[in-house]
Amino acid sequence: MVSKTSYQTESDQLLAAVTQHNKDAGASLLEVMDSASTLLLAWLQYLDRYARTSVADELLTGVRSAVIEAAGVAALGLVRPGLLSLRAEIDLLLSWLYYKDHAKEWALANEGGFFKLKSELVTYLNNTMPGFQERYNLLLKVADRSQKEPYVLLSKHVHSQTAALLPPGGKVASLVANVALCHEFVKLQREVSEYLGDLLASYYAGRWSELPTSITEYLEARLGDEGCKRLVTANAVAGR
């Protein structure tokens, strides 16, 4: 039987590992996580100002909370739990794009009787938003991310369906990742930010003139002038 002293030792070791990691790299990881989230945060600022519908606004707020959560766990070295935060950013934003226009379904979801899968939400956007798929394909051709669909990789980690993705064993202090692995986590945040930015650009490109300069300049750098014209005029229907 494990003694109370042994539990205390493990707890102390975990605290020491987290504290040392935070002391060595916490502030720098918060800085690079903020940088990795810049595009997504710019979009969230725009959506907060121009796109809220008073339905499911909590989901939009939740995306920002998940970004903060991901940065916080990176600063503590808790990379594996942080993968849930990155996946939540995708789940929450896609859910908001649907529920913001479906008040009755949102009410049912809060009662526990309605649920949309990620694949259903993407299909909904493809089927109901004129030009969405064409715009997304344009952006996909010039994507900087290594994972075209980062949700797939994140889901593999969450479900741990391969030996390489199993949780580390040993003492609880092993939960604290090394700095190199934390920077891989930062890379994933950057890729999630780009992926969500592409989804939002595919949805809102028809509002080009009101988009923040930081977003339009970023898209121009990736697509060029001609590509941006195609992005805006896809299906010749203004974004909602």
C-alpha atoms as a PDB file:
ATOM      1  CA  MET A   1       0.000   0.000   0.000  1.00  0.00           C
ATOM      2  CA  VAL A   2       1.341   3.442  -0.910  1.00  0.00           C
ATOM      3  CA  SER A   3       1.985   5.614   2.113  1.00  0.00           C
ATOM      4  CA  LYS A   4       0.785   9.153   2.607  1.00  0.00           C
ATOM      5  CA  THR A   5       4.448  10.182   2.623  1.00  0.00           C
ATOM      6  CA  SER A   6       4.912   8.727  -0.863  1.00  0.00           C
ATOM      7  CA  TYR A   7       1.945  10.704  -2.158  1.00  0.00           C
ATOM      8  CA  GLN A   8       3.383  13.860  -0.670  1.00  0.00           C
ATOM      9  CA  THR A   9       6.746  13.131  -2.274  1.00  0.00           C
ATOM     10  CA  GLU A  10       5.146  12.719  -5.700  1.00  0.00           C
ATOM     11  CA  SER A  11       3.151  15.909  -5.192  1.00  0.00           C
ATOM     12  CA  ASP A  12       6.280  17.806  -4.172  1.00  0.00           C
ATOM     13  CA  GLN A  13       8.177  16.472  -7.189  1.00  0.00           C
ATOM     14  CA  LEU A  14       5.395  17.544  -9.525  1.00  0.00           C
ATOM     15  CA  LEU A  15       5.316  21.023  -8.023  1.00  0.00           C
ATOM     16  CA  ALA A  16       9.103  21.281  -8.277  1.00  0.00           C
ATOM     17  CA  ALA A  17       9.060  20.213 -11.938  1.00  0.00           C
ATOM     18  CA  VAL A  18       6.296  22.655 -12.849  1.00  0.00           C
ATOM     19  CA  THR A  19       7.973  25.466 -10.919  1.00  0.00           C
ATOM     20  CA  GLN A  20      11.360  24.878 -12.530  1.00  0.00           C
ATOM     21  CA  HIS A  21       9.849  24.672 -16.007  1.00  0.00           C
ATOM     22  CA  ASN A  22       7.924  27.882 -15.466  1.00  0.00           C
ATOM     23  CA  LYS A  23      11.011  29.614 -14.121  1.00  0.00           C
ATOM     24  CA  ASP A  24      13.176  28.487 -17.027  1.00  0.00           C
ATOM     25  CA  ALA A  25      10.765  28.945 -19.916  1.00  0.00           C
ATOM     26  CA  GLY A  26       7.312  30.042 -18.733  1.00  0.00           C
ATOM     27  CA  ALA A  27       7.483  33.686 -19.784  1.00  0.00           C
ATOM     28  CA  SER A  28       9.106  32.958 -23.140  1.00  0.00           C
ATOM     29  CA  LEU A  29       6.507  30.289 -23.898  1.00  0.00           C
ATOM     30  CA  LEU A  30       3.686  32.698 -23.083  1.00  0.00           C
ATOM     31  CA  GLU A  31       5.268  35.175 -25.496  1.00  0.00           C
ATOM     32  CA  VAL A  32       5.602  32.730 -28.397  1.00  0.00           C
ATOM     33  CA  MET A  33       2.136  31.293 -27.747  1.00  0.00           C
ATOM     34  CA  ASP A  34       0.745  34.820 -27.990  1.00  0.00           C
ATOM     35  CA  SER A  35       2.585  35.296 -31.279  1.00  0.00           C
ATOM     36  CA  ALA A  36       1.311  31.941 -32.549  1.00  0.00           C
ATOM     37  CA  SER A  37      -2.259  33.053 -31.801  1.00  0.00           C
ATOM     38  CA  THR A  38      -1.986  36.533 -33.347  1.00  0.00           C
ATOM     39  CA  LEU A  39      -4.077  35.772 -36.434  1.00  0.00           C
ATOM     40  CA  LEU A  40      -6.815  33.997 -34.498  1.00  0.00           C
ATOM     41  CA  LEU A  41      -6.958  36.773 -31.905  1.00  0.00           C
ATOM     42  CA  ALA A  42      -7.305  39.382 -34.677  1.00  0.00           C
ATOM     43  CA  TRP A  43     -10.235  37.440 -36.075  1.00  0.00           C
ATOM     44  CA  LEU A  44     -11.820  37.119 -32.633  1.00  0.00           C
ATOM     45  CA  GLN A  45     -11.562  40.875 -32.134  1.00  0.00           C
ATOM     46  CA  TYR A  46     -13.313  41.416 -35.459  1.00  0.00           C
ATOM     47  CA  LEU A  47     -16.029  38.865 -34.688  1.00  0.00           C
ATOM     48  CA  ASP A  48     -16.618  40.358 -31.242  1.00  0.00           C
ATOM     49  CA  ARG A  49     -17.259  43.726 -32.831  1.00  0.00           C
ATOM     50  CA  TYR A  50     -19.166  42.859 -35.990  1.00  0.00           C
ATOM     51  CA  ALA A  51     -20.500  39.302 -35.963  1.00  0.00           C
ATOM     52  CA  ARG A  52     -22.138  38.505 -32.638  1.00  0.00           C
ATOM     53  CA  THR A  53     -25.833  37.663 -32.928  1.00  0.00           C
ATOM     54  CA  SER A  54     -26.710  37.366 -29.210  1.00  0.00           C
ATOM     55  CA  VAL A  55     -27.060  33.618 -29.809  1.00  0.00           C
ATOM     56  CA  ALA A  56     -24.284  31.283 -28.616  1.00  0.00           C
ATOM     57  CA  ASP A  57     -21.979  34.217 -27.864  1.00  0.00           C
ATOM     58  CA  GLU A  58     -20.575  32.072 -25.067  1.00  0.00           C
ATOM     59  CA  LEU A  59     -18.918  29.851 -27.665  1.00  0.00           C
ATOM     60  CA  LEU A  60     -17.051  32.780 -29.188  1.00  0.00           C
ATOM     61  CA  THR A  61     -15.888  33.856 -25.749  1.00  0.00           C
ATOM     62  CA  GLY A  62     -14.880  30.243 -25.162  1.00  0.00           C
ATOM     63  CA  VAL A  63     -12.484  30.286 -28.115  1.00  0.00           C
ATOM     64  CA  ARG A  64     -10.531  33.113 -26.520  1.00  0.00           C
ATOM     65  CA  SER A  65     -10.572  31.279 -23.193  1.00  0.00           C
ATOM     66  CA  ALA A  66      -9.176  28.157 -24.881  1.00  0.00           C
ATOM     67  CA  VAL A  67      -6.342  30.237 -26.386  1.00  0.00           C
ATOM     68  CA  ILE A  68      -5.477  31.538 -22.924  1.00  0.00           C
ATOM     69  CA  GLU A  69      -5.739  28.044 -21.459  1.00  0.00           C
ATOM     70  CA  ALA A  70      -3.368  26.639 -24.101  1.00  0.00           C
ATOM     71  CA  ALA A  71      -0.797  29.341 -23.348  1.00  0.00           C
ATOM     72  CA  GLY A  72      -1.104  28.728 -19.618  1.00  0.00           C
ATOM     73  CA  VAL A  73      -0.530  24.991 -19.771  1.00  0.00           C
ATOM     74  CA  ALA A  74       2.423  25.504 -22.123  1.00  0.00           C
ATOM     75  CA  ALA A  75       4.013  27.800 -19.546  1.00  0.00           C
ATOM     76  CA  LEU A  76       3.590  25.001 -16.995  1.00  0.00           C
ATOM     77  CA  GLY A  77       4.913  22.329 -19.348  1.00  0.00           C
ATOM     78  CA  LEU A  78       1.642  20.417 -19.455  1.00  0.00           C
ATOM     79  CA  VAL A  79       1.612  19.797 -23.181  1.00  0.00           C
ATOM     80  CA  ARG A  80      -0.638  16.749 -23.322  1.00  0.00           C
ATOM     81  CA  PRO A  81      -3.593  18.368 -21.504  1.00  0.00           C
ATOM     82  CA  GLY A  82      -3.010  21.430 -23.670  1.00  0.00           C
ATOM     83  CA  LEU A  83      -3.898  19.440 -26.788  1.00  0.00           C
ATOM     84  CA  LEU A  84      -7.484  19.442 -25.539  1.00  0.00           C
ATOM     85  CA  SER A  85      -7.357  23.243 -25.452  1.00  0.00           C
ATOM     86  CA  LEU A  86      -6.190  23.417 -29.069  1.00  0.00           C
ATOM     87  CA  ARG A  87      -8.920  21.065 -30.208  1.00  0.00           C
ATOM     88  CA  ALA A  88     -11.459  23.063 -28.220  1.00  0.00           C
ATOM     89  CA  GLU A  89     -10.502  26.192 -30.185  1.00  0.00           C
ATOM     90  CA  ILE A  90     -11.624  24.415 -33.365  1.00  0.00           C
ATOM     91  CA  ASP A  91     -14.734  22.817 -31.867  1.00  0.00           C
ATOM     92  CA  LEU A  92     -15.914  26.050 -30.283  1.00  0.00           C
ATOM     93  CA  LEU A  93     -15.405  28.266 -33.309  1.00  0.00           C
ATOM     94  CA  LEU A  94     -17.059  25.854 -35.737  1.00  0.00           C
ATOM     95  CA  SER A  95     -19.950  25.397 -33.311  1.00  0.00           C
ATOM     96  CA  TRP A  96     -20.361  29.159 -33.035  1.00  0.00           C
ATOM     97  CA  LEU A  97     -20.500  29.576 -36.825  1.00  0.00           C
ATOM     98  CA  TYR A  98     -23.474  27.236 -36.795  1.00  0.00           C
ATOM     99  CA  TYR A  99     -25.327  28.058 -33.586  1.00  0.00           C
ATOM    100  CA  LYS A 100     -25.109  31.839 -33.942  1.00  0.00           C
ATOM    101  CA  ASP A 101     -27.836  31.540 -36.601  1.00  0.00           C
ATOM    102  CA  HIS A 102     -29.811  28.722 -34.947  1.00  0.00           C
ATOM    103  CA  ALA A 103     -31.326  29.907 -31.694  1.00  0.00           C
ATOM    104  CA  LYS A 104     -33.674  26.945 -31.233  1.00  0.00           C
ATOM    105  CA  GLU A 105     -30.899  24.408 -31.755  1.00  0.00           C
ATOM    106  CA  TRP A 106     -28.683  26.332 -29.337  1.00  0.00           C
ATOM    107  CA  ALA A 107     -31.428  26.166 -26.704  1.00  0.00           C
ATOM    108  CA  LEU A 108     -31.736  22.416 -27.284  1.00  0.00           C
ATOM    109  CA  ALA A 109     -27.951  21.993 -27.048  1.00  0.00           C
ATOM    110  CA  ASN A 110     -27.989  23.660 -23.649  1.00  0.00           C
ATOM    111  CA  GLU A 111     -30.699  21.255 -22.537  1.00  0.00           C
ATOM    112  CA  GLY A 112     -28.499  18.334 -23.566  1.00  0.00           C
ATOM    113  CA  GLY A 113     -30.630  17.267 -26.515  1.00  0.00           C
ATOM    114  CA  PHE A 114     -28.713  18.532 -29.547  1.00  0.00           C
ATOM    115  CA  PHE A 115     -25.149  17.950 -30.714  1.00  0.00           C
ATOM    116  CA  LYS A 116     -23.255  18.617 -33.940  1.00  0.00           C
ATOM    117  CA  LEU A 117     -20.121  16.749 -35.002  1.00  0.00           C
ATOM    118  CA  LYS A 118     -17.213  18.671 -36.500  1.00  0.00           C
ATOM    119  CA  SER A 119     -17.774  16.990 -39.859  1.00  0.00           C
ATOM    120  CA  GLU A 120     -21.425  18.047 -39.823  1.00  0.00           C
ATOM    121  CA  LEU A 121     -20.477  21.636 -39.112  1.00  0.00           C
ATOM    122  CA  VAL A 122     -18.014  21.799 -41.998  1.00  0.00           C
ATOM    123  CA  THR A 123     -20.585  20.225 -44.317  1.00  0.00           C
ATOM    124  CA  TYR A 124     -23.099  22.832 -43.189  1.00  0.00           C
ATOM    125  CA  LEU A 125     -20.694  25.638 -44.099  1.00  0.00           C
ATOM    126  CA  ASN A 126     -19.951  24.080 -47.487  1.00  0.00           C
ATOM    127  CA  ASN A 127     -23.635  23.661 -48.278  1.00  0.00           C
ATOM    128  CA  THR A 128     -25.003  26.975 -47.038  1.00  0.00           C
ATOM    129  CA  MET A 129     -22.257  29.550 -47.524  1.00  0.00           C
ATOM    130  CA  PRO A 130     -21.875  30.515 -51.214  1.00  0.00           C
ATOM    131  CA  GLY A 131     -18.227  30.359 -52.269  1.00  0.00           C
ATOM    132  CA  PHE A 132     -17.038  28.809 -49.010  1.00  0.00           C
ATOM    133  CA  GLN A 133     -15.437  25.683 -50.487  1.00  0.00           C
ATOM    134  CA  GLU A 134     -13.895  27.590 -53.403  1.00  0.00           C
ATOM    135  CA  ARG A 135     -12.343  30.106 -51.031  1.00  0.00           C
ATOM    136  CA  TYR A 136     -11.058  27.437 -48.687  1.00  0.00           C
ATOM    137  CA  ASN A 137      -9.455  25.553 -51.576  1.00  0.00           C
ATOM    138  CA  LEU A 138      -7.676  28.742 -52.663  1.00  0.00           C
ATOM    139  CA  LEU A 139      -6.257  29.204 -49.199  1.00  0.00           C
ATOM    140  CA  LEU A 140      -5.355  25.540 -48.838  1.00  0.00           C
ATOM    141  CA  LYS A 141      -3.091  25.786 -51.888  1.00  0.00           C
ATOM    142  CA  VAL A 142      -0.944  28.395 -50.120  1.00  0.00           C
ATOM    143  CA  ALA A 143      -1.191  27.033 -46.584  1.00  0.00           C
ATOM    144  CA  ASP A 144       1.938  27.369 -44.458  1.00  0.00           C
ATOM    145  CA  ARG A 145       0.893  24.708 -41.961  1.00  0.00           C
ATOM    146  CA  SER A 146       2.256  21.172 -42.115  1.00  0.00           C
ATOM    147  CA  GLN A 147      -1.113  19.765 -41.055  1.00  0.00           C
ATOM    148  CA  LYS A 148      -3.761  20.739 -43.591  1.00  0.00           C
ATOM    149  CA  GLU A 149      -6.435  19.638 -41.106  1.00  0.00           C
ATOM    150  CA  PRO A 150      -4.865  19.961 -37.631  1.00  0.00           C
ATOM    151  CA  TYR A 151      -8.067  18.667 -36.032  1.00  0.00           C
ATOM    152  CA  VAL A 152      -7.193  15.174 -37.288  1.00  0.00           C
ATOM    153  CA  LEU A 153      -3.796  15.171 -35.567  1.00  0.00           C
ATOM    154  CA  LEU A 154      -5.241  16.628 -32.371  1.00  0.00           C
ATOM    155  CA  SER A 155      -7.954  13.973 -32.325  1.00  0.00           C
ATOM    156  CA  LYS A 156      -5.365  11.233 -32.731  1.00  0.00           C
ATOM    157  CA  HIS A 157      -3.553  12.557 -29.668  1.00  0.00           C
ATOM    158  CA  VAL A 158      -6.757  12.911 -27.666  1.00  0.00           C
ATOM    159  CA  HIS A 159      -7.914   9.370 -28.470  1.00  0.00           C
ATOM    160  CA  SER A 160      -4.386   7.877 -28.173  1.00  0.00           C
ATOM    161  CA  GLN A 161      -5.062   5.239 -30.814  1.00  0.00           C
ATOM    162  CA  THR A 162      -1.406   4.531 -31.631  1.00  0.00           C
ATOM    163  CA  ALA A 163       1.469   3.453 -29.418  1.00  0.00           C
ATOM    164  CA  ALA A 164       3.442   6.616 -30.172  1.00  0.00           C
ATOM    165  CA  LEU A 165       0.665   8.797 -28.773  1.00  0.00           C
ATOM    166  CA  LEU A 166       0.125   7.083 -25.435  1.00  0.00           C
ATOM    167  CA  PRO A 167       0.481   9.155 -22.225  1.00  0.00           C
ATOM    168  CA  PRO A 168       3.932   8.985 -20.615  1.00  0.00           C
ATOM    169  CA  GLY A 169       4.264   6.551 -17.742  1.00  0.00           C
ATOM    170  CA  GLY A 170       6.184   6.815 -14.496  1.00  0.00           C
ATOM    171  CA  LYS A 171       5.933   9.494 -11.842  1.00  0.00           C
ATOM    172  CA  VAL A 172       3.414  12.319 -11.980  1.00  0.00           C
ATOM    173  CA  ALA A 173       6.306  14.742 -12.507  1.00  0.00           C
ATOM    174  CA  SER A 174       6.705  13.173 -15.968  1.00  0.00           C
ATOM    175  CA  LEU A 175       3.626  15.172 -16.981  1.00  0.00           C
ATOM    176  CA  VAL A 176       5.918  18.188 -17.344  1.00  0.00           C
ATOM    177  CA  ALA A 177       7.308  18.188 -20.872  1.00  0.00           C
ATOM    178  CA  ASN A 178      10.720  19.422 -21.922  1.00  0.00           C
ATOM    179  CA  VAL A 179      11.049  22.807 -23.586  1.00  0.00           C
ATOM    180  CA  ALA A 180      11.629  21.323 -27.045  1.00  0.00           C
ATOM    181  CA  LEU A 181       8.283  19.516 -26.898  1.00  0.00           C
ATOM    182  CA  CYS A 182       6.612  22.694 -25.683  1.00  0.00           C
ATOM    183  CA  HIS A 183       7.835  24.469 -28.810  1.00  0.00           C
ATOM    184  CA  GLU A 184       6.256  21.716 -30.906  1.00  0.00           C
ATOM    185  CA  PHE A 185       3.056  22.581 -29.062  1.00  0.00           C
ATOM    186  CA  VAL A 186       3.552  26.240 -29.997  1.00  0.00           C
ATOM    187  CA  LYS A 187       3.858  25.179 -33.646  1.00  0.00           C
ATOM    188  CA  LEU A 188       0.523  23.369 -33.352  1.00  0.00           C
ATOM    189  CA  GLN A 189      -1.110  26.503 -31.937  1.00  0.00           C
ATOM    190  CA  ARG A 190       0.186  28.463 -34.914  1.00  0.00           C
ATOM    191  CA  GLU A 191      -1.239  25.863 -37.291  1.00  0.00           C
ATOM    192  CA  VAL A 192      -4.623  25.866 -35.549  1.00  0.00           C
ATOM    193  CA  SER A 193      -4.638  29.663 -35.760  1.00  0.00           C
ATOM    194  CA  GLU A 194      -3.968  29.547 -39.506  1.00  0.00           C
ATOM    195  CA  TYR A 195      -6.556  26.807 -40.050  1.00  0.00           C
ATOM    196  CA  LEU A 196      -9.271  28.714 -38.219  1.00  0.00           C
ATOM    197  CA  GLY A 197      -8.235  31.904 -39.997  1.00  0.00           C
ATOM    198  CA  ASP A 198      -8.718  30.110 -43.321  1.00  0.00           C
ATOM    199  CA  LEU A 199     -12.184  28.930 -42.310  1.00  0.00           C
ATOM    200  CA  LEU A 200     -13.141  32.440 -41.255  1.00  0.00           C
ATOM    201  CA  ALA A 201     -11.692  34.020 -44.401  1.00  0.00           C
ATOM    202  CA  SER A 202     -13.700  31.509 -46.432  1.00  0.00           C
ATOM    203  CA  TYR A 203     -16.814  32.638 -44.587  1.00  0.00           C
ATOM    204  CA  TYR A 204     -16.249  36.392 -44.356  1.00  0.00           C
ATOM    205  CA  ALA A 205     -14.162  37.277 -47.431  1.00  0.00           C
ATOM    206  CA  GLY A 206     -17.194  38.995 -48.942  1.00  0.00           C
ATOM    207  CA  ARG A 207     -16.841  41.606 -46.191  1.00  0.00           C
ATOM    208  CA  TRP A 208     -13.302  42.418 -47.299  1.00  0.00           C
ATOM    209  CA  SER A 209     -13.638  46.196 -46.925  1.00  0.00           C
ATOM    210  CA  GLU A 210     -14.505  45.948 -43.246  1.00  0.00           C
ATOM    211  CA  LEU A 211     -11.927  43.321 -42.272  1.00  0.00           C
ATOM    212  CA  PRO A 212      -9.002  44.544 -40.125  1.00  0.00           C
ATOM    213  CA  THR A 213      -5.869  45.560 -42.003  1.00  0.00           C
ATOM    214  CA  SER A 214      -3.848  42.947 -40.124  1.00  0.00           C
ATOM    215  CA  ILE A 215      -6.039  40.213 -41.631  1.00  0.00           C
ATOM    216  CA  THR A 216      -6.235  41.571 -45.202  1.00  0.00           C
ATOM    217  CA  GLU A 217      -2.487  42.201 -45.349  1.00  0.00           C
ATOM    218  CA  TYR A 218      -1.847  38.677 -44.113  1.00  0.00           C
ATOM    219  CA  LEU A 219      -4.127  37.234 -46.797  1.00  0.00           C
ATOM    220  CA  GLU A 220      -2.545  39.434 -49.485  1.00  0.00           C
ATOM    221  CA  ALA A 221       0.892  38.157 -48.491  1.00  0.00           C
ATOM    222  CA  ARG A 222      -0.271  34.582 -49.001  1.00  0.00           C
ATOM    223  CA  LEU A 223      -2.525  34.947 -52.043  1.00  0.00           C
ATOM    224  CA  GLY A 224      -1.286  38.037 -53.863  1.00  0.00           C
ATOM    225  CA  ASP A 225      -3.596  40.633 -55.409  1.00  0.00           C
ATOM    226  CA  GLU A 226      -5.154  38.292 -57.970  1.00  0.00           C
ATOM    227  CA  GLY A 227      -5.722  35.554 -55.409  1.00  0.00           C
ATOM    228  CA  CYS A 228      -7.443  37.986 -53.068  1.00  0.00           C
ATOM    229  CA  LYS A 229      -9.731  39.130 -55.872  1.00  0.00           C
ATOM    230  CA  ARG A 230     -10.734  35.511 -56.464  1.00  0.00           C
ATOM    231  CA  LEU A 231     -11.216  35.046 -52.731  1.00  0.00           C
ATOM    232  CA  VAL A 232     -13.553  38.018 -52.487  1.00  0.00           C
ATOM    233  CA  THR A 233     -15.563  37.338 -55.618  1.00  0.00           C
ATOM    234  CA  ALA A 234     -16.033  33.575 -55.246  1.00  0.00           C
ATOM    235  CA  ASN A 235     -19.610  32.868 -56.413  1.00  0.00           C
ATOM    236  CA  ALA A 236     -20.021  36.660 -56.618  1.00  0.00           C
ATOM    237  CA  VAL A 237     -21.939  36.583 -53.343  1.00  0.00           C
ATOM    238  CA  ALA A 238     -20.969  38.786 -50.416  1.00  0.00           C
ATOM    239  CA  GLY A 239     -20.102  37.005 -47.169  1.00  0.00           C
ATOM    240  CA  ARG A 240     -22.481  37.190 -44.287  1.00  0.00           C
END
